[in-house]
Amino acid sequence: MKKMKIFIADDHLLVREGIKALLQTQPDMEVVGEAGDGREAVEKVLQLRPDVVLMDITMPLMDGIIATHQIKQADSSIQVLVLTGHDNEEYLFHLLQVGGSGYVLKQANMDDLVTAIRAAHRGEVFLYPSVAKVLIADYLQRVQEGVSTPSTDALTLREQEILKLIAEGYTNKEIAQLIHRSIKTVQSHRAHLMEKLNLHDRTEIVRYAIRKGLIEP
């Protein structure tokens, strides 16, 4: 039997080790790599080309949604399954928008996780039951209101990435180095995201990022 190749991206070593130990007991699964931040995840995934990536959302340097977007842009055949502790509808909509294969909460049991991985490997979308309820409720509300698109933040993925880095304390120069862009480009993105969100200083950016779960207090 050819085993499906699994990659684990999570900034907590104990979480990665626990998931890896559980998945290695499955006869059809093999963990081929792991990463502790979003940038490392993108780099290693594109080197290893696993079948399914288990992706945490809140990670250093680059969050899981942006990492998912970059992976799917580079190779749409790689399935990315978000495994997170955040039961957050905005994350869900962003994940689906960038081509994610599912959304599983970390409090799920092992059977749910294995089922989700196998579904993702088949090219299906798996949503944890409580998350699916959120999606259905939003859909029904949009039908009633005659709205055709889900409500998501107005920020682009790049602006989300920069907002998170600003909130984590990086300077414009440091952000420019991290995302391989000019300081002028970073300043432009910063101005646009602050205008869109009606934020006026870094303190308000930090509060916004915490409220949205982009960083932890």
C-alpha atoms as a PDB file:
ATOM      1  CA  MET A   1       0.000   0.000   0.000  1.00  0.00           C
ATOM      2  CA  LYS A   2       1.337   3.400  -0.938  1.00  0.00           C
ATOM      3  CA  LYS A   3       1.203   5.635   2.109  1.00  0.00           C
ATOM      4  CA  MET A   4      -0.028   9.210   1.934  1.00  0.00           C
ATOM      5  CA  LYS A   5       2.674  11.689   2.896  1.00  0.00           C
ATOM      6  CA  ILE A   6       1.746  14.046   5.738  1.00  0.00           C
ATOM      7  CA  PHE A   7       3.458  17.297   6.790  1.00  0.00           C
ATOM      8  CA  ILE A   8       2.813  18.949  10.185  1.00  0.00           C
ATOM      9  CA  ALA A   9       3.154  22.731  10.720  1.00  0.00           C
ATOM     10  CA  ASP A  10       2.678  23.913  14.307  1.00  0.00           C
ATOM     11  CA  ASP A  11       4.770  26.192  16.508  1.00  0.00           C
ATOM     12  CA  HIS A  12       4.455  23.873  19.528  1.00  0.00           C
ATOM     13  CA  LEU A  13       6.913  20.968  19.487  1.00  0.00           C
ATOM     14  CA  LEU A  14       4.809  18.846  21.845  1.00  0.00           C
ATOM     15  CA  VAL A  15       1.784  19.227  19.574  1.00  0.00           C
ATOM     16  CA  ARG A  16       3.816  18.169  16.530  1.00  0.00           C
ATOM     17  CA  GLU A  17       5.286  15.188  18.363  1.00  0.00           C
ATOM     18  CA  GLY A  18       1.878  14.090  19.641  1.00  0.00           C
ATOM     19  CA  ILE A  19       0.222  14.293  16.231  1.00  0.00           C
ATOM     20  CA  LYS A  20       3.162  12.552  14.584  1.00  0.00           C
ATOM     21  CA  ALA A  21       3.022   9.679  17.090  1.00  0.00           C
ATOM     22  CA  LEU A  22      -0.703   9.230  16.479  1.00  0.00           C
ATOM     23  CA  LEU A  23      -0.486   9.358  12.697  1.00  0.00           C
ATOM     24  CA  GLN A  24       2.417   6.924  12.536  1.00  0.00           C
ATOM     25  CA  THR A  25       0.041   4.269  13.907  1.00  0.00           C
ATOM     26  CA  GLN A  26      -2.101   4.571  10.771  1.00  0.00           C
ATOM     27  CA  PRO A  27      -1.168   1.985   8.122  1.00  0.00           C
ATOM     28  CA  ASP A  28      -1.807   4.365   5.220  1.00  0.00           C
ATOM     29  CA  MET A  29      -0.037   7.475   6.572  1.00  0.00           C
ATOM     30  CA  GLU A  30       3.574   8.610   6.861  1.00  0.00           C
ATOM     31  CA  VAL A  31       4.776  11.879   8.406  1.00  0.00           C
ATOM     32  CA  VAL A  32       7.506  13.176   6.097  1.00  0.00           C
ATOM     33  CA  GLY A  33       8.301  16.542   7.665  1.00  0.00           C
ATOM     34  CA  GLU A  34       7.410  19.282  10.126  1.00  0.00           C
ATOM     35  CA  ALA A  35       7.874  23.004  10.699  1.00  0.00           C
ATOM     36  CA  GLY A  36       7.560  25.430  13.601  1.00  0.00           C
ATOM     37  CA  ASP A  37       6.591  28.606  11.704  1.00  0.00           C
ATOM     38  CA  GLY A  38       4.735  29.553   8.553  1.00  0.00           C
ATOM     39  CA  ARG A  39       7.728  30.507   6.445  1.00  0.00           C
ATOM     40  CA  GLU A  40       9.556  27.300   7.252  1.00  0.00           C
ATOM     41  CA  ALA A  41       6.374  25.373   6.449  1.00  0.00           C
ATOM     42  CA  VAL A  42       6.071  26.881   2.959  1.00  0.00           C
ATOM     43  CA  GLU A  43       9.742  26.266   2.202  1.00  0.00           C
ATOM     44  CA  LYS A  44       9.774  22.646   3.380  1.00  0.00           C
ATOM     45  CA  VAL A  45       6.387  21.736   1.884  1.00  0.00           C
ATOM     46  CA  LEU A  46       7.483  22.924  -1.548  1.00  0.00           C
ATOM     47  CA  GLN A  47      10.640  20.833  -1.181  1.00  0.00           C
ATOM     48  CA  LEU A  48       8.987  17.656   0.112  1.00  0.00           C
ATOM     49  CA  ARG A  49       5.675  17.880  -1.820  1.00  0.00           C
ATOM     50  CA  PRO A  50       3.547  15.973   0.719  1.00  0.00           C
ATOM     51  CA  ASP A  51       0.002  14.882  -0.066  1.00  0.00           C
ATOM     52  CA  VAL A  52      -1.589  16.604   2.953  1.00  0.00           C
ATOM     53  CA  VAL A  53      -0.360  19.423   5.188  1.00  0.00           C
ATOM     54  CA  LEU A  54      -1.715  19.839   8.725  1.00  0.00           C
ATOM     55  CA  MET A  55      -1.448  23.595   9.240  1.00  0.00           C
ATOM     56  CA  ASP A  56      -1.809  25.557  12.464  1.00  0.00           C
ATOM     57  CA  ILE A  57      -3.098  29.118  12.072  1.00  0.00           C
ATOM     58  CA  THR A  58      -1.297  31.165  14.721  1.00  0.00           C
ATOM     59  CA  MET A  59       2.424  30.756  14.048  1.00  0.00           C
ATOM     60  CA  PRO A  60       5.486  33.054  14.051  1.00  0.00           C
ATOM     61  CA  LEU A  61       6.674  34.927  10.935  1.00  0.00           C
ATOM     62  CA  MET A  62       3.708  33.882   8.782  1.00  0.00           C
ATOM     63  CA  ASP A  63       0.280  32.658   9.822  1.00  0.00           C
ATOM     64  CA  GLY A  64      -1.259  29.457   8.516  1.00  0.00           C
ATOM     65  CA  ILE A  65      -3.764  31.122   6.202  1.00  0.00           C
ATOM     66  CA  ILE A  66      -1.084  33.024   4.303  1.00  0.00           C
ATOM     67  CA  ALA A  67       1.150  29.939   4.264  1.00  0.00           C
ATOM     68  CA  THR A  68      -1.757  27.938   2.829  1.00  0.00           C
ATOM     69  CA  HIS A  69      -2.266  30.568   0.139  1.00  0.00           C
ATOM     70  CA  GLN A  70       1.386  30.455  -0.891  1.00  0.00           C
ATOM     71  CA  ILE A  71       1.466  26.657  -0.955  1.00  0.00           C
ATOM     72  CA  LYS A  72      -1.702  26.397  -3.047  1.00  0.00           C
ATOM     73  CA  GLN A  73      -0.436  29.032  -5.464  1.00  0.00           C
ATOM     74  CA  ALA A  74       2.787  27.084  -5.961  1.00  0.00           C
ATOM     75  CA  ASP A  75       1.202  23.603  -6.151  1.00  0.00           C
ATOM     76  CA  SER A  76      -2.570  23.243  -6.135  1.00  0.00           C
ATOM     77  CA  SER A  77      -2.308  19.449  -5.811  1.00  0.00           C
ATOM     78  CA  ILE A  78      -1.075  19.741  -2.210  1.00  0.00           C
ATOM     79  CA  GLN A  79      -4.022  19.567   0.172  1.00  0.00           C
ATOM     80  CA  VAL A  80      -3.864  21.802   3.254  1.00  0.00           C
ATOM     81  CA  LEU A  81      -5.953  20.956   6.300  1.00  0.00           C
ATOM     82  CA  VAL A  82      -6.059  23.547   9.067  1.00  0.00           C
ATOM     83  CA  LEU A  83      -5.740  22.084  12.565  1.00  0.00           C
ATOM     84  CA  THR A  84      -6.334  24.838  15.085  1.00  0.00           C
ATOM     85  CA  GLY A  85      -7.672  25.760  18.487  1.00  0.00           C
ATOM     86  CA  HIS A  86      -9.486  28.790  17.017  1.00  0.00           C
ATOM     87  CA  ASP A  87     -13.200  28.274  16.372  1.00  0.00           C
ATOM     88  CA  ASN A  88     -13.361  31.469  14.348  1.00  0.00           C
ATOM     89  CA  GLU A  89     -15.592  32.074  11.325  1.00  0.00           C
ATOM     90  CA  GLU A  90     -13.250  34.658   9.798  1.00  0.00           C
ATOM     91  CA  TYR A  91     -10.426  32.124   9.734  1.00  0.00           C
ATOM     92  CA  LEU A  92     -12.798  29.606   8.167  1.00  0.00           C
ATOM     93  CA  PHE A  93     -13.808  31.921   5.352  1.00  0.00           C
ATOM     94  CA  HIS A  94     -10.217  32.966   4.697  1.00  0.00           C
ATOM     95  CA  LEU A  95      -9.145  29.313   4.594  1.00  0.00           C
ATOM     96  CA  LEU A  96     -11.804  28.400   2.044  1.00  0.00           C
ATOM     97  CA  GLN A  97     -10.973  31.522   0.044  1.00  0.00           C
ATOM     98  CA  VAL A  98      -7.322  30.487  -0.368  1.00  0.00           C
ATOM     99  CA  GLY A  99      -8.104  26.878  -1.266  1.00  0.00           C
ATOM    100  CA  GLY A 100      -7.826  25.053   2.051  1.00  0.00           C
ATOM    101  CA  SER A 101      -9.167  21.502   2.267  1.00  0.00           C
ATOM    102  CA  GLY A 102     -10.743  21.650   5.695  1.00  0.00           C
ATOM    103  CA  TYR A 103     -10.866  22.970   9.214  1.00  0.00           C
ATOM    104  CA  VAL A 104     -10.393  20.722  12.242  1.00  0.00           C
ATOM    105  CA  LEU A 105     -10.301  21.896  15.849  1.00  0.00           C
ATOM    106  CA  LYS A 106      -7.522  20.630  18.092  1.00  0.00           C
ATOM    107  CA  GLN A 107     -10.087  19.361  20.577  1.00  0.00           C
ATOM    108  CA  ALA A 108     -11.276  16.871  17.944  1.00  0.00           C
ATOM    109  CA  ASN A 109     -10.691  13.199  18.619  1.00  0.00           C
ATOM    110  CA  MET A 110      -8.218  11.063  16.693  1.00  0.00           C
ATOM    111  CA  ASP A 111     -10.904   9.488  14.514  1.00  0.00           C
ATOM    112  CA  ASP A 112     -12.068  12.915  13.322  1.00  0.00           C
ATOM    113  CA  LEU A 113      -8.526  13.955  12.452  1.00  0.00           C
ATOM    114  CA  VAL A 114      -7.810  10.761  10.522  1.00  0.00           C
ATOM    115  CA  THR A 115     -11.134  11.061   8.696  1.00  0.00           C
ATOM    116  CA  ALA A 116     -10.331  14.681   7.789  1.00  0.00           C
ATOM    117  CA  ILE A 117      -6.888  13.767   6.453  1.00  0.00           C
ATOM    118  CA  ARG A 118      -8.272  10.979   4.289  1.00  0.00           C
ATOM    119  CA  ALA A 119     -11.033  13.262   2.999  1.00  0.00           C
ATOM    120  CA  ALA A 120      -8.491  15.956   2.114  1.00  0.00           C
ATOM    121  CA  HIS A 121      -6.341  13.378   0.353  1.00  0.00           C
ATOM    122  CA  ARG A 122      -9.359  12.466  -1.810  1.00  0.00           C
ATOM    123  CA  GLY A 123      -9.756  16.121  -2.732  1.00  0.00           C
ATOM    124  CA  GLU A 124     -12.793  16.646  -0.499  1.00  0.00           C
ATOM    125  CA  VAL A 125     -13.433  19.456   1.983  1.00  0.00           C
ATOM    126  CA  PHE A 126     -13.784  18.442   5.624  1.00  0.00           C
ATOM    127  CA  LEU A 127     -15.278  20.774   8.231  1.00  0.00           C
ATOM    128  CA  TYR A 128     -15.442  19.945  11.934  1.00  0.00           C
ATOM    129  CA  PRO A 129     -19.157  19.806  12.932  1.00  0.00           C
ATOM    130  CA  SER A 130     -19.175  22.983  15.038  1.00  0.00           C
ATOM    131  CA  VAL A 131     -17.356  24.824  12.245  1.00  0.00           C
ATOM    132  CA  ALA A 132     -19.782  23.516   9.631  1.00  0.00           C
ATOM    133  CA  LYS A 133     -22.647  24.979  11.676  1.00  0.00           C
ATOM    134  CA  VAL A 134     -21.008  28.403  11.480  1.00  0.00           C
ATOM    135  CA  LEU A 135     -20.685  28.125   7.703  1.00  0.00           C
ATOM    136  CA  ILE A 136     -24.289  26.999   7.280  1.00  0.00           C
ATOM    137  CA  ALA A 137     -25.576  29.753   9.569  1.00  0.00           C
ATOM    138  CA  ASP A 138     -23.646  32.375   7.618  1.00  0.00           C
ATOM    139  CA  TYR A 139     -24.918  30.997   4.322  1.00  0.00           C
ATOM    140  CA  LEU A 140     -28.538  31.082   5.513  1.00  0.00           C
ATOM    141  CA  GLN A 141     -28.097  34.640   6.748  1.00  0.00           C
ATOM    142  CA  ARG A 142     -26.628  35.710   3.404  1.00  0.00           C
ATOM    143  CA  VAL A 143     -29.524  34.066   1.586  1.00  0.00           C
ATOM    144  CA  GLN A 144     -32.010  35.972   3.721  1.00  0.00           C
ATOM    145  CA  GLU A 145     -30.163  39.231   3.191  1.00  0.00           C
ATOM    146  CA  GLY A 146     -29.576  38.604  -0.509  1.00  0.00           C
ATOM    147  CA  VAL A 147     -25.783  38.792  -0.084  1.00  0.00           C
ATOM    148  CA  SER A 148     -23.839  36.639  -2.533  1.00  0.00           C
ATOM    149  CA  THR A 149     -20.383  36.660  -0.928  1.00  0.00           C
ATOM    150  CA  PRO A 150     -19.199  35.749   2.589  1.00  0.00           C
ATOM    151  CA  SER A 151     -18.271  38.541   4.952  1.00  0.00           C
ATOM    152  CA  THR A 152     -14.485  38.684   5.294  1.00  0.00           C
ATOM    153  CA  ASP A 153     -12.035  41.357   6.303  1.00  0.00           C
ATOM    154  CA  ALA A 154     -11.224  43.916   3.651  1.00  0.00           C
ATOM    155  CA  LEU A 155      -7.477  43.278   3.924  1.00  0.00           C
ATOM    156  CA  THR A 156      -5.494  41.509   1.249  1.00  0.00           C
ATOM    157  CA  LEU A 157      -3.398  38.517   2.311  1.00  0.00           C
ATOM    158  CA  ARG A 158      -0.245  40.641   2.121  1.00  0.00           C
ATOM    159  CA  GLU A 159      -1.844  43.318   4.319  1.00  0.00           C
ATOM    160  CA  GLN A 160      -2.861  40.649   6.834  1.00  0.00           C
ATOM    161  CA  GLU A 161       0.711  39.384   6.923  1.00  0.00           C
ATOM    162  CA  ILE A 162       2.100  42.880   7.490  1.00  0.00           C
ATOM    163  CA  LEU A 163      -0.516  43.681  10.129  1.00  0.00           C
ATOM    164  CA  LYS A 164       0.490  40.571  12.063  1.00  0.00           C
ATOM    165  CA  LEU A 165       4.188  41.450  11.852  1.00  0.00           C
ATOM    166  CA  ILE A 166       3.526  45.033  12.985  1.00  0.00           C
ATOM    167  CA  ALA A 167       1.515  43.724  15.938  1.00  0.00           C
ATOM    168  CA  GLU A 168       4.374  41.379  16.835  1.00  0.00           C
ATOM    169  CA  GLY A 169       6.688  44.378  17.107  1.00  0.00           C
ATOM    170  CA  TYR A 170       8.651  44.276  13.843  1.00  0.00           C
ATOM    171  CA  THR A 171       9.776  47.588  12.329  1.00  0.00           C
ATOM    172  CA  ASN A 172       9.101  48.552   8.717  1.00  0.00           C
ATOM    173  CA  LYS A 173      12.726  47.756   7.857  1.00  0.00           C
ATOM    174  CA  GLU A 174      12.533  44.315   9.487  1.00  0.00           C
ATOM    175  CA  ILE A 175       9.227  43.538   7.770  1.00  0.00           C
ATOM    176  CA  ALA A 176      10.698  44.555   4.408  1.00  0.00           C
ATOM    177  CA  GLN A 177      13.543  42.093   4.959  1.00  0.00           C
ATOM    178  CA  LEU A 178      11.192  39.304   6.032  1.00  0.00           C
ATOM    179  CA  ILE A 179       8.837  39.589   3.062  1.00  0.00           C
ATOM    180  CA  HIS A 180      11.565  40.549   0.570  1.00  0.00           C
ATOM    181  CA  ARG A 181      10.011  43.869  -0.386  1.00  0.00           C
ATOM    182  CA  SER A 182      11.158  47.491  -0.164  1.00  0.00           C
ATOM    183  CA  ILE A 183      10.512  49.627   2.919  1.00  0.00           C
ATOM    184  CA  LYS A 184       8.427  51.931   0.711  1.00  0.00           C
ATOM    185  CA  THR A 185       6.176  48.995  -0.251  1.00  0.00           C
ATOM    186  CA  VAL A 186       5.757  48.025   3.407  1.00  0.00           C
ATOM    187  CA  GLN A 187       4.888  51.618   4.327  1.00  0.00           C
ATOM    188  CA  SER A 188       2.306  51.700   1.553  1.00  0.00           C
ATOM    189  CA  HIS A 189       0.686  48.443   2.704  1.00  0.00           C
ATOM    190  CA  ARG A 190       0.747  49.692   6.283  1.00  0.00           C
ATOM    191  CA  ALA A 191      -1.017  52.921   5.341  1.00  0.00           C
ATOM    192  CA  HIS A 192      -3.657  51.056   3.330  1.00  0.00           C
ATOM    193  CA  LEU A 193      -4.462  48.511   6.041  1.00  0.00           C
ATOM    194  CA  MET A 194      -4.713  51.204   8.716  1.00  0.00           C
ATOM    195  CA  GLU A 195      -7.046  53.206   6.500  1.00  0.00           C
ATOM    196  CA  LYS A 196      -9.228  50.171   5.753  1.00  0.00           C
ATOM    197  CA  LEU A 197      -9.501  49.236   9.431  1.00  0.00           C
ATOM    198  CA  ASN A 198      -9.691  52.815  10.722  1.00  0.00           C
ATOM    199  CA  LEU A 199      -6.645  52.265  12.931  1.00  0.00           C
ATOM    200  CA  HIS A 200      -4.402  55.161  13.889  1.00  0.00           C
ATOM    201  CA  ASP A 201      -1.332  53.765  15.645  1.00  0.00           C
ATOM    202  CA  ARG A 202       0.498  50.551  16.518  1.00  0.00           C
ATOM    203  CA  THR A 203      -1.377  50.172  19.811  1.00  0.00           C
ATOM    204  CA  GLU A 204      -4.674  49.977  17.946  1.00  0.00           C
ATOM    205  CA  ILE A 205      -3.107  47.514  15.485  1.00  0.00           C
ATOM    206  CA  VAL A 206      -2.038  45.263  18.365  1.00  0.00           C
ATOM    207  CA  ARG A 207      -5.503  45.379  19.938  1.00  0.00           C
ATOM    208  CA  TYR A 208      -7.097  44.565  16.596  1.00  0.00           C
ATOM    209  CA  ALA A 209      -4.715  41.650  15.980  1.00  0.00           C
ATOM    210  CA  ILE A 210      -5.394  40.195  19.440  1.00  0.00           C
ATOM    211  CA  ARG A 211      -9.159  40.586  19.006  1.00  0.00           C
ATOM    212  CA  LYS A 212      -8.997  38.767  15.673  1.00  0.00           C
ATOM    213  CA  GLY A 213      -6.745  36.026  17.043  1.00  0.00           C
ATOM    214  CA  LEU A 214      -3.822  36.921  14.768  1.00  0.00           C
ATOM    215  CA  ILE A 215      -1.526  37.105  17.793  1.00  0.00           C
ATOM    216  CA  GLU A 216      -1.864  36.035  21.397  1.00  0.00           C
ATOM    217  CA  PRO A 217      -2.002  38.606  24.203  1.00  0.00           C
END
